[in-house]
């Protein structure tokens, strides 16, 4: 499950959209605030053999 990450592939271009105003609380370490995450590696839409792992955060 992804948090606040929208991925779209158009003409072999991957576009990632993230709302930088959203927050999902403290990271596991407690040192940062999670803004968006793929929560591990996930397949790129329509390209199951290509994976992406994304974490966006800010300092606490």
PDB file of N, CA and C in Angstrom:
ATOM      1  N   UNK A   1       0.839  -1.185   0.000  1.00  0.00           N
ATOM      2  CA  UNK A   1       0.000   0.000   0.000  1.00  0.00           C
ATOM      3  C   UNK A   1       0.886   1.251   0.000  1.00  0.00           C
ATOM      4  N   UNK A   2       0.572   2.193  -0.827  1.00  0.00           N
ATOM      5  CA  UNK A   2       1.345   3.425  -0.900  1.00  0.00           C
ATOM      6  C   UNK A   2       0.627   4.525  -0.124  1.00  0.00           C
ATOM      7  N   UNK A   3       1.421   5.398   0.470  1.00  0.00           N
ATOM      8  CA  UNK A   3       0.879   6.545   1.191  1.00  0.00           C
ATOM      9  C   UNK A   3       1.200   7.808   0.414  1.00  0.00           C
ATOM     10  N   UNK A   4       0.174   8.477  -0.118  1.00  0.00           N
ATOM     11  CA  UNK A   4       0.328   9.800  -0.724  1.00  0.00           C
ATOM     12  C   UNK A   4       1.237   9.790  -1.948  1.00  0.00           C
ATOM     13  N   UNK A   5       1.263   8.690  -2.691  1.00  0.00           N
ATOM     14  CA  UNK A   5       2.084   8.594  -3.901  1.00  0.00           C
ATOM     15  C   UNK A   5       1.187   8.189  -5.060  1.00  0.00           C
ATOM     16  N   UNK A   6       1.180   8.987  -6.107  1.00  0.00           N
ATOM     17  CA  UNK A   6       0.420   8.687  -7.315  1.00  0.00           C
ATOM     18  C   UNK A   6       1.423   8.558  -8.465  1.00  0.00           C
ATOM     19  N   UNK A   7       1.458   7.394  -9.099  1.00  0.00           N
ATOM     20  CA  UNK A   7       2.380   7.157 -10.214  1.00  0.00           C
ATOM     21  C   UNK A   7       1.594   6.893 -11.489  1.00  0.00           C
ATOM     22  N   UNK A   8       2.023   7.522 -12.586  1.00  0.00           N
ATOM     23  CA  UNK A   8       1.393   7.338 -13.887  1.00  0.00           C
ATOM     24  C   UNK A   8       2.492   7.207 -14.931  1.00  0.00           C
ATOM     25  N   UNK A   9       2.327   6.274 -15.857  1.00  0.00           N
ATOM     26  CA  UNK A   9       3.256   6.137 -16.980  1.00  0.00           C
ATOM     27  C   UNK A   9       2.522   6.536 -18.252  1.00  0.00           C
ATOM     28  N   UNK A  10       3.079   7.514 -18.966  1.00  0.00           N
ATOM     29  CA  UNK A  10       2.541   7.943 -20.250  1.00  0.00           C
ATOM     30  C   UNK A  10       3.691   8.016 -21.241  1.00  0.00           C
ATOM     31  N   UNK A  11       3.583   7.263 -22.334  1.00  0.00           N
ATOM     32  CA  UNK A  11       4.628   7.237 -23.368  1.00  0.00           C
ATOM     33  C   UNK A  11       5.998   6.950 -22.756  1.00  0.00           C
ATOM     34  N   UNK A  12       6.048   5.946 -21.897  1.00  0.00           N
ATOM     35  CA  UNK A  12       7.280   5.496 -21.243  1.00  0.00           C
ATOM     36  C   UNK A  12       7.911   6.526 -20.307  1.00  0.00           C
ATOM     37  N   UNK A  13       7.160   7.534 -19.890  1.00  0.00           N
ATOM     38  CA  UNK A  13       7.626   8.511 -18.910  1.00  0.00           C
ATOM     39  C   UNK A  13       6.867   8.292 -17.605  1.00  0.00           C
ATOM     40  N   UNK A  14       7.599   8.037 -16.522  1.00  0.00           N
ATOM     41  CA  UNK A  14       6.996   7.854 -15.210  1.00  0.00           C
ATOM     42  C   UNK A  14       6.863   9.215 -14.534  1.00  0.00           C
ATOM     43  N   UNK A  15       5.647   9.539 -14.119  1.00  0.00           N
ATOM     44  CA  UNK A  15       5.386  10.772 -13.386  1.00  0.00           C
ATOM     45  C   UNK A  15       4.927  10.393 -11.983  1.00  0.00           C
ATOM     46  N   UNK A  16       5.545  11.012 -10.987  1.00  0.00           N
ATOM     47  CA  UNK A  16       5.202  10.755  -9.589  1.00  0.00           C
ATOM     48  C   UNK A  16       4.634  12.039  -9.007  1.00  0.00           C
ATOM     49  N   UNK A  17       3.461  11.921  -8.384  1.00  0.00           N
ATOM     50  CA  UNK A  17       2.825  13.090  -7.754  1.00  0.00           C
ATOM     51  C   UNK A  17       2.697  12.824  -6.265  1.00  0.00           C
ATOM     52  N   UNK A  18       3.094  13.833  -5.465  1.00  0.00           N
ATOM     53  CA  UNK A  18       3.030  13.744  -4.013  1.00  0.00           C
ATOM     54  C   UNK A  18       2.521  15.075  -3.477  1.00  0.00           C
ATOM     55  N   UNK A  19       1.552  15.023  -2.572  1.00  0.00           N
ATOM     56  CA  UNK A  19       1.064  16.228  -1.900  1.00  0.00           C
ATOM     57  C   UNK A  19       2.000  16.510  -0.734  1.00  0.00           C
ATOM     58  N   UNK A  20       2.823  17.550  -0.844  1.00  0.00           N
ATOM     59  CA  UNK A  20       3.826  17.853   0.170  1.00  0.00           C
ATOM     60  C   UNK A  20       3.238  18.438   1.452  1.00  0.00           C
ATOM     61  N   UNK A  21       1.943  18.706   1.461  1.00  0.00           N
ATOM     62  CA  UNK A  21       1.276  19.223   2.665  1.00  0.00           C
ATOM     63  C   UNK A  21       0.801  18.103   3.589  1.00  0.00           C
ATOM     64  N   UNK A  22       0.690  16.877   3.084  1.00  0.00           N
ATOM     65  CA  UNK A  22       0.210  15.766   3.911  1.00  0.00           C
ATOM     66  C   UNK A  22       1.339  15.211   4.772  1.00  0.00           C
ATOM     67  N   UNK A  23       0.956  14.659   5.911  1.00  0.00           N
ATOM     68  CA  UNK A  23       1.911  14.010   6.799  1.00  0.00           C
ATOM     69  C   UNK A  23       1.284  12.736   7.346  1.00  0.00           C
ATOM     70  N   UNK A  24       2.134  11.735   7.622  1.00  0.00           N
ATOM     71  CA  UNK A  24       1.661  10.457   8.140  1.00  0.00           C
ATOM     72  C   UNK A  24       2.309  10.091   9.461  1.00  0.00           C
ATOM     73  N   UNK A  25       2.796  11.104  10.176  1.00  0.00           N
ATOM     74  CA  UNK A  25       3.361  10.861  11.495  1.00  0.00           C
ATOM     75  C   UNK A  25       4.844  10.569  11.468  1.00  0.00           C
ATOM     76  N   UNK A  26       5.368  10.240  12.628  1.00  0.00           N
ATOM     77  CA  UNK A  26       6.801  10.006  12.789  1.00  0.00           C
ATOM     78  C   UNK A  26       7.238   8.724  12.092  1.00  0.00           C
ATOM     79  N   UNK A  27       8.482   8.752  11.628  1.00  0.00           N
ATOM     80  CA  UNK A  27       9.081   7.553  11.033  1.00  0.00           C
ATOM     81  C   UNK A  27       9.316   6.518  12.132  1.00  0.00           C
ATOM     82  N   UNK A  28       9.731   5.312  11.748  1.00  0.00           N
ATOM     83  CA  UNK A  28       9.989   4.268  12.739  1.00  0.00           C
ATOM     84  C   UNK A  28      11.058   4.691  13.736  1.00  0.00           C
ATOM     85  N   UNK A  29      12.077   5.425  13.259  1.00  0.00           N
ATOM     86  CA  UNK A  29      13.152   5.873  14.145  1.00  0.00           C
ATOM     87  C   UNK A  29      12.720   7.048  15.016  1.00  0.00           C
ATOM     88  N   UNK A  30      11.655   7.750  14.594  1.00  0.00           N
ATOM     89  CA  UNK A  30      11.185   8.904  15.328  1.00  0.00           C
ATOM     90  C   UNK A  30      11.943  10.183  15.021  1.00  0.00           C
ATOM     91  N   UNK A  31      12.879  10.130  14.091  1.00  0.00           N
ATOM     92  CA  UNK A  31      13.708  11.291  13.772  1.00  0.00           C
ATOM     93  C   UNK A  31      13.108  12.184  12.689  1.00  0.00           C
ATOM     94  N   UNK A  32      12.137  11.678  11.956  1.00  0.00           N
ATOM     95  CA  UNK A  32      11.562  12.453  10.856  1.00  0.00           C
ATOM     96  C   UNK A  32      10.064  12.225  10.760  1.00  0.00           C
ATOM     97  N   UNK A  33       9.397  13.074   9.956  1.00  0.00           N
ATOM     98  CA  UNK A  33       7.966  12.971   9.703  1.00  0.00           C
ATOM     99  C   UNK A  33       7.778  12.484   8.264  1.00  0.00           C
ATOM    100  N   UNK A  34       7.031  11.409   8.101  1.00  0.00           N
ATOM    101  CA  UNK A  34       6.784  10.852   6.771  1.00  0.00           C
ATOM    102  C   UNK A  34       5.761  11.684   6.026  1.00  0.00           C
ATOM    103  N   UNK A  35       6.098  12.063   4.792  1.00  0.00           N
ATOM    104  CA  UNK A  35       5.188  12.806   3.911  1.00  0.00           C
ATOM    105  C   UNK A  35       4.587  11.866   2.870  1.00  0.00           C
ATOM    106  N   UNK A  36       5.406  10.940   2.350  1.00  0.00           N
ATOM    107  CA  UNK A  36       4.935   9.978   1.354  1.00  0.00           C
ATOM    108  C   UNK A  36       5.863   8.771   1.347  1.00  0.00           C
ATOM    109  N   UNK A  37       5.321   7.619   0.981  1.00  0.00           N
ATOM    110  CA  UNK A  37       6.130   6.411   0.917  1.00  0.00           C
ATOM    111  C   UNK A  37       5.447   5.353   0.067  1.00  0.00           C
ATOM    112  N   UNK A  38       6.258   4.593  -0.647  1.00  0.00           N
ATOM    113  CA  UNK A  38       5.722   3.417  -1.329  1.00  0.00           C
ATOM    114  C   UNK A  38       5.702   2.232  -0.366  1.00  0.00           C
ATOM    115  N   UNK A  39       6.248   2.422   0.826  1.00  0.00           N
ATOM    116  CA  UNK A  39       6.321   1.378   1.859  1.00  0.00           C
ATOM    117  C   UNK A  39       7.022   0.132   1.335  1.00  0.00           C
ATOM    118  N   UNK A  40       8.204   0.347   0.792  1.00  0.00           N
ATOM    119  CA  UNK A  40       8.984  -0.737   0.205  1.00  0.00           C
ATOM    120  C   UNK A  40       9.014  -0.591  -1.304  1.00  0.00           C
ATOM    121  N   UNK A  41       9.568  -1.589  -1.963  1.00  0.00           N
ATOM    122  CA  UNK A  41       9.649  -1.558  -3.418  1.00  0.00           C
ATOM    123  C   UNK A  41       8.337  -2.040  -4.026  1.00  0.00           C
ATOM    124  N   UNK A  42       7.847  -1.297  -5.018  1.00  0.00           N
ATOM    125  CA  UNK A  42       6.612  -1.653  -5.715  1.00  0.00           C
ATOM    126  C   UNK A  42       6.854  -1.586  -7.217  1.00  0.00           C
ATOM    127  N   UNK A  43       6.028  -2.272  -7.973  1.00  0.00           N
ATOM    128  CA  UNK A  43       6.137  -2.248  -9.428  1.00  0.00           C
ATOM    129  C   UNK A  43       5.632  -0.935  -9.991  1.00  0.00           C
ATOM    130  N   UNK A  44       6.293  -0.469 -11.043  1.00  0.00           N
ATOM    131  CA  UNK A  44       5.831   0.700 -11.782  1.00  0.00           C
ATOM    132  C   UNK A  44       4.575   0.280 -12.547  1.00  0.00           C
ATOM    133  N   UNK A  45       3.519   1.091 -12.536  1.00  0.00           N
ATOM    134  CA  UNK A  45       2.273   0.717 -13.218  1.00  0.00           C
ATOM    135  C   UNK A  45       2.511   0.318 -14.683  1.00  0.00           C
ATOM    136  N   UNK A  46       2.042  -0.878 -15.049  1.00  0.00           N
ATOM    137  CA  UNK A  46       2.167  -1.367 -16.419  1.00  0.00           C
ATOM    138  C   UNK A  46       3.536  -1.917 -16.760  1.00  0.00           C
ATOM    139  N   UNK A  47       4.455  -1.942 -15.796  1.00  0.00           N
ATOM    140  CA  UNK A  47       5.816  -2.427 -16.019  1.00  0.00           C
ATOM    141  C   UNK A  47       6.237  -3.263 -14.807  1.00  0.00           C
ATOM    142  N   UNK A  48       5.642  -4.431 -14.678  1.00  0.00           N
ATOM    143  CA  UNK A  48       5.806  -5.262 -13.482  1.00  0.00           C
ATOM    144  C   UNK A  48       7.267  -5.612 -13.178  1.00  0.00           C
ATOM    145  N   UNK A  49       8.138  -5.638 -14.177  1.00  0.00           N
ATOM    146  CA  UNK A  49       9.541  -5.975 -13.962  1.00  0.00           C
ATOM    147  C   UNK A  49      10.381  -4.804 -13.486  1.00  0.00           C
ATOM    148  N   UNK A  50       9.800  -3.618 -13.429  1.00  0.00           N
ATOM    149  CA  UNK A  50      10.523  -2.421 -12.989  1.00  0.00           C
ATOM    150  C   UNK A  50       9.974  -2.019 -11.621  1.00  0.00           C
ATOM    151  N   UNK A  51      10.875  -1.853 -10.670  1.00  0.00           N
ATOM    152  CA  UNK A  51      10.474  -1.551  -9.292  1.00  0.00           C
ATOM    153  C   UNK A  51      10.931  -0.152  -8.900  1.00  0.00           C
ATOM    154  N   UNK A  52      10.215   0.437  -7.927  1.00  0.00           N
ATOM    155  CA  UNK A  52      10.585   1.725  -7.357  1.00  0.00           C
ATOM    156  C   UNK A  52      10.335   1.674  -5.854  1.00  0.00           C
ATOM    157  N   UNK A  53      11.237   2.303  -5.110  1.00  0.00           N
ATOM    158  CA  UNK A  53      11.076   2.476  -3.670  1.00  0.00           C
ATOM    159  C   UNK A  53      11.242   3.951  -3.369  1.00  0.00           C
ATOM    160  N   UNK A  54      10.245   4.562  -2.752  1.00  0.00           N
ATOM    161  CA  UNK A  54      10.260   6.006  -2.553  1.00  0.00           C
ATOM    162  C   UNK A  54       9.874   6.347  -1.120  1.00  0.00           C
ATOM    163  N   UNK A  55      10.672   7.208  -0.480  1.00  0.00           N
ATOM    164  CA  UNK A  55      10.347   7.749   0.836  1.00  0.00           C
ATOM    165  C   UNK A  55      10.585   9.248   0.778  1.00  0.00           C
ATOM    166  N   UNK A  56       9.595  10.035   1.184  1.00  0.00           N
ATOM    167  CA  UNK A  56       9.744  11.483   1.267  1.00  0.00           C
ATOM    168  C   UNK A  56       9.423  11.864   2.700  1.00  0.00           C
ATOM    169  N   UNK A  57      10.326  12.634   3.308  1.00  0.00           N
ATOM    170  CA  UNK A  57      10.163  12.979   4.712  1.00  0.00           C
ATOM    171  C   UNK A  57      10.795  14.317   5.004  1.00  0.00           C
ATOM    172  N   UNK A  58      10.502  14.835   6.193  1.00  0.00           N
ATOM    173  CA  UNK A  58      11.130  16.070   6.659  1.00  0.00           C
ATOM    174  C   UNK A  58      11.623  15.848   8.081  1.00  0.00           C
ATOM    175  N   UNK A  59      12.540  16.699   8.495  1.00  0.00           N
ATOM    176  CA  UNK A  59      13.059  16.593   9.855  1.00  0.00           C
ATOM    177  C   UNK A  59      11.948  16.874  10.853  1.00  0.00           C
ATOM    178  N   UNK A  60      12.014  16.234  11.985  1.00  0.00           N
ATOM    179  CA  UNK A  60      11.005  16.411  13.030  1.00  0.00           C
ATOM    180  C   UNK A  60      11.164  17.730  13.736  1.00  0.00           C
TER     181      UNK A  60
END
